[in-house]
């Protein structure tokens, strides 16, 4: 982003979404990441917003992410993990074993994000309600 110093913030955000998000989320659904690992990746995601929009390190970018229509990384991780764990209809049986081992994660997503309707919009609504209730 050093070469696009005078570019619009929306353009910079689009570049980050196009190039950095795929790198941060590659195969993350298949990995059983610890809370600390997800937090470390979330820091990278948040720092990109801070750099683009000129926020200080101690300032929260959660509301900015909401207004930009982006999910915080922990919710993005939940969505990607949910898609991975629920996409076992056409795969060999060995992957079903993995699914059963991670059934507790699926159950926690169902509790957090309104039953089986876990989609990006459901998670985005969950996030916007979270922000609204903080005020």
N, C-alpha and C. Protein backbone atom coordinates (compact mmCIF):
# COMPACT_ATOMS: atom_id res chain seq x y z
N UNK A 1 0.81 -1.19 0.00
CA UNK A 1 0.00 0.00 0.00
C UNK A 1 0.86 1.25 0.00
N UNK A 2 2.13 1.08 0.09
CA UNK A 2 3.02 2.22 0.07
C UNK A 2 3.01 2.95 -1.27
N UNK A 3 2.68 2.25 -2.35
CA UNK A 3 2.66 2.85 -3.67
C UNK A 3 1.36 3.60 -3.96
N UNK A 4 0.33 3.37 -3.16
CA UNK A 4 -0.97 4.02 -3.42
C UNK A 4 -1.28 5.02 -2.30
N UNK A 5 -0.33 5.87 -2.03
CA UNK A 5 -0.44 6.83 -0.94
C UNK A 5 -1.63 7.78 -1.11
N UNK A 6 -1.92 8.18 -2.34
CA UNK A 6 -2.97 9.15 -2.58
C UNK A 6 -4.27 8.51 -3.07
N UNK A 7 -4.36 7.21 -3.04
CA UNK A 7 -5.58 6.53 -3.48
C UNK A 7 -6.68 6.67 -2.44
N UNK A 8 -7.89 6.56 -2.89
CA UNK A 8 -9.05 6.63 -2.02
C UNK A 8 -9.06 5.46 -1.04
N UNK A 9 -9.63 5.67 0.15
CA UNK A 9 -9.68 4.61 1.16
C UNK A 9 -10.45 3.39 0.67
N UNK A 10 -11.51 3.61 -0.11
CA UNK A 10 -12.29 2.48 -0.63
C UNK A 10 -11.46 1.61 -1.57
N UNK A 11 -10.61 2.26 -2.35
CA UNK A 11 -9.73 1.51 -3.26
C UNK A 11 -8.72 0.70 -2.46
N UNK A 12 -8.15 1.31 -1.44
CA UNK A 12 -7.19 0.60 -0.59
C UNK A 12 -7.85 -0.58 0.11
N UNK A 13 -9.07 -0.38 0.62
CA UNK A 13 -9.78 -1.47 1.28
C UNK A 13 -10.08 -2.59 0.30
N UNK A 14 -10.45 -2.24 -0.91
CA UNK A 14 -10.71 -3.26 -1.94
C UNK A 14 -9.44 -4.05 -2.25
N UNK A 15 -8.30 -3.37 -2.30
CA UNK A 15 -7.03 -4.06 -2.53
C UNK A 15 -6.71 -5.02 -1.39
N UNK A 16 -6.93 -4.58 -0.16
CA UNK A 16 -6.68 -5.45 1.00
C UNK A 16 -7.60 -6.66 0.95
N UNK A 17 -8.86 -6.42 0.63
CA UNK A 17 -9.81 -7.54 0.55
C UNK A 17 -9.45 -8.51 -0.56
N UNK A 18 -8.92 -7.98 -1.66
CA UNK A 18 -8.59 -8.83 -2.81
C UNK A 18 -7.31 -9.64 -2.61
N UNK A 19 -6.33 -9.06 -1.94
CA UNK A 19 -5.03 -9.71 -1.84
C UNK A 19 -4.73 -10.28 -0.45
N UNK A 20 -5.11 -9.59 0.61
CA UNK A 20 -4.72 -10.01 1.96
C UNK A 20 -5.70 -10.99 2.59
N UNK A 21 -6.99 -10.76 2.42
CA UNK A 21 -7.98 -11.65 3.05
C UNK A 21 -7.82 -13.09 2.56
N UNK A 22 -7.64 -13.33 1.25
CA UNK A 22 -7.42 -14.72 0.84
C UNK A 22 -6.19 -15.36 1.49
N UNK A 23 -5.15 -14.56 1.72
CA UNK A 23 -3.96 -15.10 2.38
C UNK A 23 -4.23 -15.41 3.85
N UNK A 24 -4.99 -14.54 4.52
CA UNK A 24 -5.30 -14.74 5.94
C UNK A 24 -6.26 -15.91 6.15
N UNK A 25 -7.13 -16.15 5.18
CA UNK A 25 -8.18 -17.15 5.38
C UNK A 25 -7.97 -18.44 4.60
N UNK A 26 -6.86 -18.57 3.90
CA UNK A 26 -6.63 -19.77 3.10
C UNK A 26 -6.65 -21.02 3.97
N UNK A 27 -7.56 -21.91 3.70
CA UNK A 27 -7.72 -23.20 4.39
C UNK A 27 -8.00 -23.06 5.89
N UNK A 28 -8.41 -21.90 6.34
CA UNK A 28 -8.60 -21.71 7.78
C UNK A 28 -9.80 -22.51 8.29
N UNK A 29 -10.73 -22.83 7.40
CA UNK A 29 -11.86 -23.64 7.82
C UNK A 29 -11.45 -25.06 8.20
N UNK A 30 -10.42 -25.55 7.57
CA UNK A 30 -9.96 -26.91 7.83
C UNK A 30 -9.02 -27.01 9.01
N UNK A 31 -8.53 -25.87 9.48
CA UNK A 31 -7.57 -25.85 10.58
C UNK A 31 -8.32 -25.59 11.89
N UNK A 32 -7.98 -26.31 12.90
CA UNK A 32 -8.57 -26.08 14.21
C UNK A 32 -7.70 -25.06 14.94
N UNK A 33 -7.91 -23.79 14.61
CA UNK A 33 -7.08 -22.71 15.15
C UNK A 33 -7.46 -22.42 16.60
N UNK A 34 -6.47 -22.13 17.40
CA UNK A 34 -6.73 -21.77 18.79
C UNK A 34 -7.27 -20.34 18.84
N UNK A 35 -7.82 -19.96 19.98
CA UNK A 35 -8.33 -18.60 20.15
C UNK A 35 -7.22 -17.57 19.96
N UNK A 36 -6.03 -17.88 20.42
CA UNK A 36 -4.91 -16.95 20.27
C UNK A 36 -4.52 -16.79 18.81
N UNK A 37 -4.54 -17.87 18.04
CA UNK A 37 -4.21 -17.77 16.62
C UNK A 37 -5.24 -16.93 15.87
N UNK A 38 -6.51 -17.11 16.20
CA UNK A 38 -7.56 -16.30 15.58
C UNK A 38 -7.40 -14.84 15.98
N UNK A 39 -7.05 -14.61 17.22
CA UNK A 39 -6.82 -13.24 17.69
C UNK A 39 -5.64 -12.60 16.96
N UNK A 40 -4.57 -13.34 16.74
CA UNK A 40 -3.41 -12.82 16.01
C UNK A 40 -3.78 -12.44 14.57
N UNK A 41 -4.58 -13.28 13.92
CA UNK A 41 -5.03 -12.96 12.57
C UNK A 41 -5.98 -11.76 12.58
N UNK A 42 -6.78 -11.65 13.63
CA UNK A 42 -7.69 -10.50 13.76
C UNK A 42 -6.90 -9.20 13.91
N UNK A 43 -5.78 -9.26 14.60
CA UNK A 43 -4.93 -8.08 14.74
C UNK A 43 -4.43 -7.63 13.36
N UNK A 44 -4.05 -8.58 12.51
CA UNK A 44 -3.61 -8.23 11.15
C UNK A 44 -4.74 -7.56 10.38
N UNK A 45 -5.93 -8.12 10.46
CA UNK A 45 -7.10 -7.57 9.77
C UNK A 45 -7.41 -6.15 10.29
N UNK A 46 -7.39 -6.00 11.61
CA UNK A 46 -7.68 -4.69 12.21
C UNK A 46 -6.60 -3.66 11.87
N UNK A 47 -5.34 -4.11 11.84
CA UNK A 47 -4.25 -3.20 11.52
C UNK A 47 -4.35 -2.68 10.08
N UNK A 48 -4.88 -3.49 9.18
CA UNK A 48 -5.06 -3.00 7.81
C UNK A 48 -6.08 -1.86 7.80
N UNK A 49 -7.13 -1.96 8.59
CA UNK A 49 -8.10 -0.86 8.69
C UNK A 49 -7.46 0.37 9.32
N UNK A 50 -6.66 0.14 10.34
CA UNK A 50 -5.99 1.26 11.00
C UNK A 50 -5.07 1.99 10.03
N UNK A 51 -4.36 1.24 9.25
CA UNK A 51 -3.42 1.87 8.30
C UNK A 51 -4.15 2.62 7.20
N UNK A 52 -5.22 2.02 6.69
CA UNK A 52 -5.96 2.66 5.60
C UNK A 52 -6.64 3.95 6.06
N UNK A 53 -7.27 3.90 7.22
CA UNK A 53 -8.09 5.02 7.67
C UNK A 53 -7.40 5.91 8.70
N UNK A 54 -6.13 5.67 9.01
CA UNK A 54 -5.37 6.54 9.88
C UNK A 54 -5.73 6.45 11.36
N UNK A 55 -6.15 5.30 11.80
CA UNK A 55 -6.46 5.10 13.22
C UNK A 55 -5.18 4.78 13.99
N UNK A 56 -5.17 5.11 15.25
CA UNK A 56 -4.06 4.76 16.13
C UNK A 56 -4.21 3.31 16.59
N UNK A 57 -3.15 2.75 17.07
CA UNK A 57 -3.13 1.34 17.48
C UNK A 57 -4.12 1.06 18.61
N UNK A 58 -4.35 2.00 19.48
CA UNK A 58 -5.24 1.80 20.63
C UNK A 58 -6.71 2.06 20.30
N UNK A 59 -7.02 2.54 19.10
CA UNK A 59 -8.39 2.83 18.72
C UNK A 59 -9.06 1.60 18.10
N UNK A 60 -10.28 1.34 18.48
CA UNK A 60 -11.02 0.21 17.95
C UNK A 60 -11.53 0.52 16.54
N UNK A 61 -11.49 -0.48 15.69
CA UNK A 61 -11.99 -0.32 14.32
C UNK A 61 -13.25 -1.12 14.08
N UNK A 62 -13.87 -1.65 15.13
CA UNK A 62 -15.06 -2.49 14.95
C UNK A 62 -16.21 -1.72 14.31
N UNK A 63 -16.46 -0.50 14.77
CA UNK A 63 -17.56 0.30 14.20
C UNK A 63 -17.23 0.67 12.75
N UNK A 64 -15.97 0.97 12.48
CA UNK A 64 -15.53 1.27 11.11
C UNK A 64 -15.78 0.06 10.21
N UNK A 65 -15.46 -1.13 10.70
CA UNK A 65 -15.71 -2.34 9.92
C UNK A 65 -17.19 -2.51 9.64
N UNK A 66 -18.03 -2.20 10.62
CA UNK A 66 -19.47 -2.29 10.43
C UNK A 66 -19.92 -1.35 9.32
N UNK A 67 -19.46 -0.10 9.35
CA UNK A 67 -19.86 0.88 8.34
C UNK A 67 -19.30 0.55 6.97
N UNK A 68 -18.18 -0.15 6.92
CA UNK A 68 -17.61 -0.57 5.63
C UNK A 68 -18.23 -1.87 5.13
N UNK A 69 -19.10 -2.45 5.92
CA UNK A 69 -19.75 -3.70 5.52
C UNK A 69 -18.85 -4.91 5.65
N UNK A 70 -17.87 -4.85 6.51
CA UNK A 70 -16.94 -5.95 6.71
C UNK A 70 -17.13 -6.56 8.09
N UNK A 71 -16.89 -7.86 8.17
CA UNK A 71 -16.97 -8.56 9.44
C UNK A 71 -15.64 -8.47 10.17
N UNK A 72 -15.66 -8.43 11.49
CA UNK A 72 -14.42 -8.60 12.23
C UNK A 72 -13.87 -10.00 11.95
N UNK A 73 -12.58 -10.18 12.12
CA UNK A 73 -11.97 -11.44 11.71
C UNK A 73 -12.51 -12.64 12.49
N UNK A 74 -12.81 -12.47 13.78
CA UNK A 74 -13.31 -13.63 14.53
C UNK A 74 -14.65 -14.11 13.98
N UNK A 75 -15.50 -13.20 13.55
CA UNK A 75 -16.77 -13.62 12.94
C UNK A 75 -16.55 -14.16 11.54
N UNK A 76 -15.58 -13.61 10.81
CA UNK A 76 -15.24 -14.14 9.50
C UNK A 76 -14.74 -15.58 9.64
N UNK A 77 -13.93 -15.81 10.67
CA UNK A 77 -13.43 -17.16 10.94
C UNK A 77 -14.59 -18.10 11.24
N UNK A 78 -15.54 -17.65 12.07
CA UNK A 78 -16.70 -18.48 12.39
C UNK A 78 -17.48 -18.84 11.12
N UNK A 79 -17.68 -17.87 10.25
CA UNK A 79 -18.43 -18.11 9.02
C UNK A 79 -17.71 -19.10 8.11
N UNK A 80 -16.41 -18.92 7.95
CA UNK A 80 -15.63 -19.83 7.09
C UNK A 80 -15.61 -21.23 7.68
N UNK A 81 -15.45 -21.33 8.99
CA UNK A 81 -15.44 -22.63 9.67
C UNK A 81 -16.81 -23.29 9.51
N UNK A 82 -17.88 -22.51 9.67
CA UNK A 82 -19.24 -23.04 9.51
C UNK A 82 -19.44 -23.59 8.10
N UNK A 83 -19.02 -22.84 7.10
CA UNK A 83 -19.17 -23.30 5.72
C UNK A 83 -18.39 -24.59 5.50
N UNK A 84 -17.21 -24.67 6.07
CA UNK A 84 -16.40 -25.87 5.90
C UNK A 84 -17.03 -27.07 6.60
N UNK A 85 -17.46 -26.89 7.83
CA UNK A 85 -18.00 -28.02 8.60
C UNK A 85 -19.36 -28.49 8.10
N UNK A 86 -20.08 -27.65 7.40
CA UNK A 86 -21.40 -28.05 6.92
C UNK A 86 -21.41 -28.39 5.44
N UNK A 87 -20.26 -28.52 4.82
CA UNK A 87 -20.20 -28.80 3.39
C UNK A 87 -19.75 -30.23 3.10
N UNK A 88 -20.20 -31.16 3.90
CA UNK A 88 -19.74 -32.54 3.75
C UNK A 88 -20.74 -33.44 3.05
N UNK A 89 -21.60 -32.90 2.21
CA UNK A 89 -22.60 -33.75 1.58
C UNK A 89 -22.03 -34.62 0.46
N UNK A 90 -21.00 -34.16 -0.25
CA UNK A 90 -20.48 -34.90 -1.40
C UNK A 90 -19.02 -35.30 -1.24
N UNK A 91 -18.61 -35.60 -0.03
CA UNK A 91 -17.21 -35.94 0.19
C UNK A 91 -17.10 -37.35 0.76
N UNK A 92 -15.93 -37.94 0.67
CA UNK A 92 -15.74 -39.31 1.17
C UNK A 92 -15.99 -39.41 2.68
N UNK A 93 -16.16 -40.61 3.13
CA UNK A 93 -16.51 -40.90 4.52
C UNK A 93 -15.44 -40.44 5.51
N UNK A 94 -14.17 -40.41 5.10
CA UNK A 94 -13.13 -40.03 6.05
C UNK A 94 -13.30 -38.59 6.52
N UNK A 95 -13.91 -37.75 5.68
CA UNK A 95 -14.16 -36.38 6.09
C UNK A 95 -15.35 -36.28 7.04
N UNK A 96 -16.27 -37.22 6.95
CA UNK A 96 -17.39 -37.25 7.89
C UNK A 96 -16.90 -37.52 9.31
N UNK A 97 -15.84 -38.29 9.43
CA UNK A 97 -15.26 -38.53 10.75
C UNK A 97 -14.74 -37.22 11.33
N UNK A 98 -14.06 -36.44 10.51
CA UNK A 98 -13.59 -35.13 10.94
C UNK A 98 -14.75 -34.25 11.38
N UNK A 99 -15.84 -34.31 10.63
CA UNK A 99 -17.03 -33.52 10.94
C UNK A 99 -17.59 -33.92 12.31
N UNK A 100 -17.67 -35.20 12.56
CA UNK A 100 -18.21 -35.67 13.84
C UNK A 100 -17.31 -35.26 15.00
N UNK A 101 -16.00 -35.26 14.77
CA UNK A 101 -15.08 -34.81 15.81
C UNK A 101 -15.25 -33.33 16.13
N UNK A 102 -15.69 -32.55 15.17
CA UNK A 102 -15.88 -31.12 15.35
C UNK A 102 -17.35 -30.74 15.53
N UNK A 103 -18.16 -31.70 15.86
CA UNK A 103 -19.59 -31.45 16.02
C UNK A 103 -19.88 -30.41 17.10
N UNK A 104 -19.07 -30.37 18.15
CA UNK A 104 -19.27 -29.37 19.20
C UNK A 104 -19.13 -27.95 18.66
N UNK A 105 -18.24 -27.75 17.67
CA UNK A 105 -18.11 -26.43 17.06
C UNK A 105 -19.36 -26.07 16.27
N UNK A 106 -19.89 -27.03 15.53
CA UNK A 106 -21.11 -26.79 14.77
C UNK A 106 -22.24 -26.43 15.72
N UNK A 107 -22.35 -27.16 16.82
CA UNK A 107 -23.40 -26.87 17.80
C UNK A 107 -23.25 -25.47 18.39
N UNK A 108 -22.02 -25.04 18.65
CA UNK A 108 -21.83 -23.71 19.20
C UNK A 108 -22.18 -22.64 18.18
N UNK A 109 -21.91 -22.89 16.89
CA UNK A 109 -22.29 -21.92 15.86
C UNK A 109 -23.81 -21.84 15.74
N UNK A 110 -24.47 -22.97 15.86
CA UNK A 110 -25.93 -22.98 15.80
C UNK A 110 -26.51 -22.16 16.94
N UNK A 111 -25.94 -22.29 18.13
CA UNK A 111 -26.43 -21.51 19.28
C UNK A 111 -26.15 -20.03 19.11
N UNK A 112 -24.98 -19.68 18.59
CA UNK A 112 -24.60 -18.27 18.46
C UNK A 112 -25.31 -17.56 17.32
N UNK A 113 -25.51 -18.25 16.21
CA UNK A 113 -25.96 -17.57 15.00
C UNK A 113 -27.28 -18.09 14.47
N UNK A 114 -28.26 -18.30 15.32
CA UNK A 114 -29.64 -18.56 14.91
C UNK A 114 -29.81 -19.86 14.11
N UNK A 115 -29.62 -20.95 14.77
CA UNK A 115 -29.89 -22.29 14.24
C UNK A 115 -29.11 -22.59 12.97
N UNK A 116 -29.77 -23.16 11.96
CA UNK A 116 -29.07 -23.61 10.76
C UNK A 116 -28.97 -22.53 9.69
N UNK A 117 -29.41 -21.32 9.99
CA UNK A 117 -29.39 -20.25 9.00
C UNK A 117 -28.12 -19.43 9.12
N UNK A 118 -27.02 -20.08 9.33
CA UNK A 118 -25.75 -19.37 9.49
C UNK A 118 -25.26 -18.93 8.12
N UNK A 119 -25.33 -17.65 7.87
CA UNK A 119 -24.85 -17.08 6.61
C UNK A 119 -24.11 -15.80 6.93
N UNK A 120 -23.50 -15.24 5.94
CA UNK A 120 -22.77 -13.98 6.15
C UNK A 120 -23.71 -12.91 6.66
N UNK A 121 -24.95 -12.86 6.15
CA UNK A 121 -25.88 -11.83 6.59
C UNK A 121 -26.31 -12.05 8.04
N UNK A 122 -26.49 -13.30 8.45
CA UNK A 122 -26.85 -13.59 9.85
C UNK A 122 -25.73 -13.16 10.78
N UNK A 123 -24.49 -13.48 10.41
CA UNK A 123 -23.35 -13.10 11.23
C UNK A 123 -23.19 -11.57 11.23
N UNK A 124 -23.43 -10.92 10.09
CA UNK A 124 -23.35 -9.46 10.02
C UNK A 124 -24.42 -8.83 10.92
N UNK A 125 -25.62 -9.38 10.93
CA UNK A 125 -26.67 -8.88 11.82
C UNK A 125 -26.29 -9.07 13.29
N UNK A 126 -25.70 -10.22 13.58
CA UNK A 126 -25.23 -10.49 14.94
C UNK A 126 -24.21 -9.43 15.35
N UNK A 127 -23.29 -9.11 14.44
CA UNK A 127 -22.26 -8.11 14.71
C UNK A 127 -22.87 -6.73 14.90
N UNK A 128 -23.79 -6.32 14.02
CA UNK A 128 -24.39 -5.00 14.16
C UNK A 128 -25.20 -4.89 15.43
N UNK A 129 -25.88 -5.96 15.84
CA UNK A 129 -26.60 -5.95 17.12
C UNK A 129 -25.63 -5.85 18.29
N UNK A 130 -24.51 -6.52 18.17
CA UNK A 130 -23.48 -6.44 19.22
C UNK A 130 -22.99 -5.01 19.38
N UNK A 131 -22.71 -4.34 18.23
CA UNK A 131 -22.24 -2.94 18.28
C UNK A 131 -23.34 -2.04 18.85
N UNK A 132 -24.58 -2.24 18.44
CA UNK A 132 -25.68 -1.40 18.91
C UNK A 132 -25.90 -1.56 20.41
N UNK A 133 -25.72 -2.75 20.93
CA UNK A 133 -25.94 -3.00 22.36
C UNK A 133 -24.79 -2.50 23.21
N UNK A 134 -23.64 -2.23 22.62
CA UNK A 134 -22.49 -1.69 23.36
C UNK A 134 -22.68 -0.23 23.74
N UNK A 135 -23.49 0.48 22.97
CA UNK A 135 -23.66 1.93 23.18
C UNK A 135 -24.53 2.24 24.35
